[in-house]
Amino acid sequence: MIGDDDLETTTVKTKLAAMLEQPKEDEREVETAADEAATAANEAFAAEGEALAAEGEAVIAVEKATAAIEQAKRMALEARQEALAMKKRALKEKREAIAAKEQALEISERFQ
């Protein structure tokens, strides 16, 4: 039969073993938490990188759209200027035609 001293020694040893195991379990929990935090940080950095890339792409898209708008404005202005020049030429030709018609009428009146 186990004596009281043996029982007490066994109990103390069991308690000591449990106490020695507890820091290891705590340490594992801390390591697990640290690993999870590192993983979360890496995911956050990756998300931030993706967000920055998307922002860069958006900036490029806006710049391209702005350039396209400016090009369209220039083309519209050039077309308007060309149309005005054509209108001026047409008016000049019309005046010349009217003047020629008037001269022809004057000449025909002289011969009648």
N, C-alpha and C. Protein backbone atom coordinates (compact mmCIF):
# COMPACT_ATOMS: atom_id res chain seq x y z
N MET A 1 0.82 -1.16 0.00
CA MET A 1 0.00 0.00 0.00
C MET A 1 0.89 1.25 0.00
N ILE A 2 0.38 2.29 -0.66
CA ILE A 2 1.17 3.51 -0.77
C ILE A 2 1.01 4.30 0.51
N GLY A 3 2.15 4.78 0.96
CA GLY A 3 2.11 5.57 2.18
C GLY A 3 1.73 7.00 1.87
N ASP A 4 1.44 7.73 2.97
CA ASP A 4 1.04 9.13 2.80
C ASP A 4 2.16 9.94 2.16
N ASP A 5 3.41 9.62 2.55
CA ASP A 5 4.54 10.36 1.97
C ASP A 5 4.65 10.08 0.47
N ASP A 6 4.46 8.81 0.11
CA ASP A 6 4.53 8.46 -1.31
C ASP A 6 3.40 9.13 -2.09
N LEU A 7 2.22 9.15 -1.52
CA LEU A 7 1.07 9.78 -2.17
C LEU A 7 1.31 11.27 -2.33
N GLU A 8 1.85 11.87 -1.28
CA GLU A 8 2.13 13.30 -1.33
C GLU A 8 3.21 13.59 -2.36
N THR A 9 4.23 12.75 -2.42
CA THR A 9 5.31 12.93 -3.39
C THR A 9 4.77 12.79 -4.81
N THR A 10 3.92 11.80 -5.03
CA THR A 10 3.32 11.58 -6.35
C THR A 10 2.45 12.77 -6.73
N THR A 11 1.69 13.28 -5.80
CA THR A 11 0.83 14.43 -6.06
C THR A 11 1.67 15.65 -6.40
N VAL A 12 2.73 15.87 -5.66
CA VAL A 12 3.61 17.01 -5.92
C VAL A 12 4.26 16.87 -7.28
N LYS A 13 4.71 15.63 -7.59
CA LYS A 13 5.34 15.40 -8.90
C LYS A 13 4.34 15.65 -10.03
N THR A 14 3.11 15.21 -9.84
CA THR A 14 2.06 15.41 -10.85
C THR A 14 1.80 16.90 -11.03
N LYS A 15 1.70 17.61 -9.91
CA LYS A 15 1.47 19.06 -9.99
C LYS A 15 2.65 19.76 -10.65
N LEU A 16 3.87 19.34 -10.32
CA LEU A 16 5.06 19.95 -10.93
C LEU A 16 5.09 19.69 -12.43
N ALA A 17 4.77 18.45 -12.81
CA ALA A 17 4.75 18.11 -14.24
C ALA A 17 3.71 18.96 -14.97
N ALA A 18 2.54 19.12 -14.35
CA ALA A 18 1.49 19.95 -14.96
C ALA A 18 1.94 21.40 -15.07
N MET A 19 2.61 21.89 -14.02
CA MET A 19 3.10 23.26 -14.03
C MET A 19 4.18 23.45 -15.09
N LEU A 20 5.00 22.43 -15.28
CA LEU A 20 6.04 22.53 -16.30
C LEU A 20 5.45 22.48 -17.71
N GLU A 21 4.39 21.74 -17.89
CA GLU A 21 3.74 21.64 -19.20
C GLU A 21 2.98 22.92 -19.54
N GLN A 22 2.43 23.59 -18.55
CA GLN A 22 1.61 24.78 -18.78
C GLN A 22 2.36 25.87 -19.54
N PRO A 23 3.61 26.22 -19.16
CA PRO A 23 4.31 27.25 -19.93
C PRO A 23 4.52 26.85 -21.39
N LYS A 24 4.75 25.55 -21.63
CA LYS A 24 4.93 25.10 -23.01
C LYS A 24 3.64 25.30 -23.80
N GLU A 25 2.50 24.98 -23.18
CA GLU A 25 1.22 25.18 -23.86
C GLU A 25 0.97 26.67 -24.09
N ASP A 26 1.27 27.48 -23.07
CA ASP A 26 1.12 28.93 -23.23
C ASP A 26 2.02 29.45 -24.34
N GLU A 27 3.25 28.95 -24.37
CA GLU A 27 4.20 29.36 -25.39
C GLU A 27 3.70 28.97 -26.78
N ARG A 28 3.13 27.78 -26.91
CA ARG A 28 2.56 27.35 -28.19
C ARG A 28 1.39 28.24 -28.60
N GLU A 29 0.56 28.59 -27.63
CA GLU A 29 -0.57 29.48 -27.93
C GLU A 29 -0.08 30.85 -28.40
N VAL A 30 0.97 31.34 -27.74
CA VAL A 30 1.55 32.63 -28.13
C VAL A 30 2.14 32.53 -29.53
N GLU A 31 2.86 31.44 -29.80
CA GLU A 31 3.43 31.25 -31.13
C GLU A 31 2.33 31.15 -32.19
N THR A 32 1.26 30.44 -31.88
CA THR A 32 0.14 30.31 -32.81
C THR A 32 -0.49 31.68 -33.06
N ALA A 33 -0.69 32.43 -31.99
CA ALA A 33 -1.26 33.77 -32.14
C ALA A 33 -0.33 34.66 -32.95
N ALA A 34 0.98 34.55 -32.71
CA ALA A 34 1.94 35.35 -33.47
C ALA A 34 1.92 34.96 -34.95
N ASP A 35 1.83 33.66 -35.23
CA ASP A 35 1.75 33.20 -36.62
C ASP A 35 0.49 33.73 -37.29
N GLU A 36 -0.62 33.67 -36.57
CA GLU A 36 -1.88 34.17 -37.13
C GLU A 36 -1.80 35.68 -37.38
N ALA A 37 -1.17 36.39 -36.46
CA ALA A 37 -1.01 37.84 -36.63
C ALA A 37 -0.12 38.14 -37.84
N ALA A 38 0.96 37.36 -37.99
CA ALA A 38 1.85 37.56 -39.13
C ALA A 38 1.12 37.27 -40.44
N THR A 39 0.32 36.22 -40.45
CA THR A 39 -0.46 35.88 -41.65
C THR A 39 -1.44 37.01 -41.97
N ALA A 40 -2.11 37.51 -40.95
CA ALA A 40 -3.06 38.61 -41.16
C ALA A 40 -2.34 39.85 -41.69
N ALA A 41 -1.15 40.12 -41.14
CA ALA A 41 -0.38 41.28 -41.60
C ALA A 41 0.03 41.10 -43.06
N ASN A 42 0.47 39.89 -43.41
CA ASN A 42 0.85 39.62 -44.81
C ASN A 42 -0.35 39.80 -45.74
N GLU A 43 -1.50 39.31 -45.31
CA GLU A 43 -2.71 39.47 -46.12
C GLU A 43 -3.08 40.94 -46.26
N ALA A 44 -2.90 41.70 -45.18
CA ALA A 44 -3.20 43.13 -45.23
C ALA A 44 -2.24 43.84 -46.19
N PHE A 45 -0.95 43.48 -46.13
CA PHE A 45 0.02 44.08 -47.05
C PHE A 45 -0.31 43.72 -48.50
N ALA A 46 -0.71 42.47 -48.72
CA ALA A 46 -1.08 42.05 -50.08
C ALA A 46 -2.30 42.83 -50.56
N ALA A 47 -3.29 42.99 -49.68
CA ALA A 47 -4.49 43.75 -50.04
C ALA A 47 -4.14 45.21 -50.33
N GLU A 48 -3.25 45.76 -49.52
CA GLU A 48 -2.82 47.14 -49.75
C GLU A 48 -2.12 47.26 -51.10
N GLY A 49 -1.26 46.29 -51.41
CA GLY A 49 -0.58 46.29 -52.70
C GLY A 49 -1.56 46.22 -53.85
N GLU A 50 -2.56 45.37 -53.72
CA GLU A 50 -3.58 45.25 -54.76
C GLU A 50 -4.37 46.55 -54.89
N ALA A 51 -4.67 47.18 -53.76
CA ALA A 51 -5.40 48.45 -53.79
C ALA A 51 -4.56 49.53 -54.48
N LEU A 52 -3.27 49.56 -54.17
CA LEU A 52 -2.40 50.55 -54.81
C LEU A 52 -2.30 50.29 -56.31
N ALA A 53 -2.22 49.02 -56.69
CA ALA A 53 -2.17 48.69 -58.12
C ALA A 53 -3.46 49.13 -58.81
N ALA A 54 -4.59 48.88 -58.17
CA ALA A 54 -5.88 49.29 -58.74
C ALA A 54 -5.96 50.80 -58.85
N GLU A 55 -5.46 51.48 -57.83
CA GLU A 55 -5.46 52.94 -57.86
C GLU A 55 -4.59 53.45 -59.01
N GLY A 56 -3.43 52.82 -59.18
CA GLY A 56 -2.55 53.20 -60.29
C GLY A 56 -3.21 52.99 -61.64
N GLU A 57 -3.90 51.86 -61.78
CA GLU A 57 -4.62 51.58 -63.02
C GLU A 57 -5.72 52.61 -63.25
N ALA A 58 -6.40 53.00 -62.17
CA ALA A 58 -7.46 54.00 -62.29
C ALA A 58 -6.89 55.35 -62.73
N VAL A 59 -5.75 55.71 -62.16
CA VAL A 59 -5.10 56.97 -62.53
C VAL A 59 -4.73 56.95 -64.01
N ILE A 60 -4.17 55.82 -64.46
CA ILE A 60 -3.80 55.69 -65.87
C ILE A 60 -5.04 55.79 -66.76
N ALA A 61 -6.12 55.14 -66.34
CA ALA A 61 -7.37 55.19 -67.12
C ALA A 61 -7.90 56.62 -67.21
N VAL A 62 -7.83 57.35 -66.10
CA VAL A 62 -8.29 58.75 -66.10
C VAL A 62 -7.41 59.59 -67.02
N GLU A 63 -6.09 59.36 -66.96
CA GLU A 63 -5.18 60.11 -67.82
C GLU A 63 -5.46 59.82 -69.29
N LYS A 64 -5.71 58.54 -69.61
CA LYS A 64 -6.01 58.18 -71.00
C LYS A 64 -7.33 58.82 -71.44
N ALA A 65 -8.33 58.79 -70.56
CA ALA A 65 -9.62 59.39 -70.89
C ALA A 65 -9.48 60.90 -71.09
N THR A 66 -8.69 61.53 -70.24
CA THR A 66 -8.46 62.97 -70.36
C THR A 66 -7.76 63.28 -71.68
N ALA A 67 -6.77 62.47 -72.03
CA ALA A 67 -6.06 62.67 -73.29
C ALA A 67 -7.01 62.48 -74.48
N ALA A 68 -7.89 61.49 -74.39
CA ALA A 68 -8.85 61.25 -75.47
C ALA A 68 -9.82 62.42 -75.60
N ILE A 69 -10.26 62.96 -74.48
CA ILE A 69 -11.16 64.12 -74.50
C ILE A 69 -10.46 65.32 -75.13
N GLU A 70 -9.21 65.56 -74.73
CA GLU A 70 -8.46 66.68 -75.29
C GLU A 70 -8.26 66.50 -76.79
N GLN A 71 -7.96 65.27 -77.22
CA GLN A 71 -7.80 64.99 -78.64
C GLN A 71 -9.10 65.25 -79.38
N ALA A 72 -10.21 64.81 -78.81
CA ALA A 72 -11.52 65.04 -79.44
C ALA A 72 -11.82 66.53 -79.54
N LYS A 73 -11.47 67.29 -78.50
CA LYS A 73 -11.68 68.75 -78.55
C LYS A 73 -10.85 69.38 -79.66
N ARG A 74 -9.57 68.94 -79.77
CA ARG A 74 -8.71 69.48 -80.82
C ARG A 74 -9.27 69.15 -82.21
N MET A 75 -9.71 67.91 -82.36
CA MET A 75 -10.26 67.50 -83.65
C MET A 75 -11.52 68.29 -83.98
N ALA A 76 -12.37 68.52 -83.00
CA ALA A 76 -13.59 69.30 -83.22
C ALA A 76 -13.25 70.74 -83.60
N LEU A 77 -12.25 71.31 -82.94
CA LEU A 77 -11.84 72.67 -83.25
C LEU A 77 -11.28 72.75 -84.67
N GLU A 78 -10.45 71.77 -85.03
CA GLU A 78 -9.89 71.74 -86.39
C GLU A 78 -11.00 71.60 -87.43
N ALA A 79 -11.98 70.74 -87.15
CA ALA A 79 -13.10 70.56 -88.08
C ALA A 79 -13.90 71.85 -88.20
N ARG A 80 -14.12 72.53 -87.08
CA ARG A 80 -14.86 73.79 -87.11
C ARG A 80 -14.10 74.83 -87.92
N GLN A 81 -12.78 74.91 -87.70
CA GLN A 81 -11.97 75.88 -88.45
C GLN A 81 -11.98 75.56 -89.94
N GLU A 82 -11.91 74.28 -90.27
CA GLU A 82 -11.95 73.88 -91.68
C GLU A 82 -13.31 74.22 -92.30
N ALA A 83 -14.37 73.99 -91.55
CA ALA A 83 -15.71 74.31 -92.04
C ALA A 83 -15.85 75.82 -92.27
N LEU A 84 -15.30 76.61 -91.36
CA LEU A 84 -15.36 78.07 -91.55
C LEU A 84 -14.56 78.49 -92.77
N ALA A 85 -13.40 77.90 -92.97
CA ALA A 85 -12.59 78.23 -94.14
C ALA A 85 -13.34 77.86 -95.43
N MET A 86 -14.00 76.71 -95.42
CA MET A 86 -14.77 76.29 -96.59
C MET A 86 -15.93 77.25 -96.84
N LYS A 87 -16.57 77.70 -95.76
CA LYS A 87 -17.68 78.63 -95.89
C LYS A 87 -17.19 79.96 -96.47
N LYS A 88 -16.02 80.42 -96.01
CA LYS A 88 -15.45 81.66 -96.54
C LYS A 88 -15.15 81.52 -98.03
N ARG A 89 -14.56 80.37 -98.41
CA ARG A 89 -14.26 80.15 -99.83
C ARG A 89 -15.55 80.13 -100.65
N ALA A 90 -16.57 79.47 -100.12
CA ALA A 90 -17.85 79.40 -100.83
C ALA A 90 -18.46 80.78 -100.99
N LEU A 91 -18.40 81.59 -99.94
CA LEU A 91 -18.93 82.96 -100.03
C LEU A 91 -18.14 83.78 -101.04
N LYS A 92 -16.81 83.62 -101.03
CA LYS A 92 -15.98 84.35 -101.98
C LYS A 92 -16.33 83.94 -103.41
N GLU A 93 -16.48 82.63 -103.63
CA GLU A 93 -16.83 82.14 -104.97
C GLU A 93 -18.22 82.64 -105.38
N LYS A 94 -19.14 82.69 -104.41
CA LYS A 94 -20.49 83.18 -104.71
C LYS A 94 -20.44 84.66 -105.11
N ARG A 95 -19.64 85.45 -104.37
CA ARG A 95 -19.50 86.87 -104.71
C ARG A 95 -18.88 87.03 -106.10
N GLU A 96 -17.87 86.20 -106.38
CA GLU A 96 -17.24 86.27 -107.70
C GLU A 96 -18.23 85.89 -108.79
N ALA A 97 -19.06 84.88 -108.51
CA ALA A 97 -20.06 84.46 -109.49
C ALA A 97 -21.09 85.57 -109.71
N ILE A 98 -21.49 86.23 -108.63
CA ILE A 98 -22.45 87.34 -108.75
C ILE A 98 -21.82 88.48 -109.54
N ALA A 99 -20.55 88.77 -109.25
CA ALA A 99 -19.87 89.84 -109.98
C ALA A 99 -19.75 89.48 -111.46
N ALA A 100 -19.43 88.23 -111.74
CA ALA A 100 -19.33 87.80 -113.15
C ALA A 100 -20.68 87.90 -113.84
N LYS A 101 -21.73 87.54 -113.13
CA LYS A 101 -23.09 87.61 -113.69
C LYS A 101 -23.45 89.06 -113.98
N GLU A 102 -23.10 89.95 -113.04
CA GLU A 102 -23.39 91.37 -113.25
C GLU A 102 -22.63 91.90 -114.46
N GLN A 103 -21.36 91.48 -114.60
CA GLN A 103 -20.57 91.91 -115.76
C GLN A 103 -21.20 91.39 -117.05
N ALA A 104 -21.64 90.13 -116.99
CA ALA A 104 -22.25 89.56 -118.19
C ALA A 104 -23.53 90.31 -118.55
N LEU A 105 -24.31 90.69 -117.55
CA LEU A 105 -25.53 91.46 -117.80
C LEU A 105 -25.20 92.83 -118.41
N GLU A 106 -24.16 93.48 -117.87
CA GLU A 106 -23.76 94.78 -118.40
C GLU A 106 -23.32 94.65 -119.85
N ILE A 107 -22.54 93.61 -120.13
CA ILE A 107 -22.06 93.42 -121.50
C ILE A 107 -23.24 93.13 -122.43
N SER A 108 -24.15 92.29 -121.97
CA SER A 108 -25.29 91.95 -122.83
C SER A 108 -26.19 93.17 -123.04
N GLU A 109 -26.31 94.05 -122.05
CA GLU A 109 -27.11 95.26 -122.19
C GLU A 109 -26.46 96.21 -123.20
N ARG A 110 -25.14 96.25 -123.27
CA ARG A 110 -24.45 97.13 -124.21
C ARG A 110 -24.70 96.68 -125.65
N PHE A 111 -24.77 95.38 -125.82
CA PHE A 111 -24.94 94.87 -127.18
C PHE A 111 -26.40 94.84 -127.61
N GLN A 112 -27.30 95.19 -126.81
CA GLN A 112 -28.71 95.16 -127.21
C GLN A 112 -29.20 96.47 -127.70
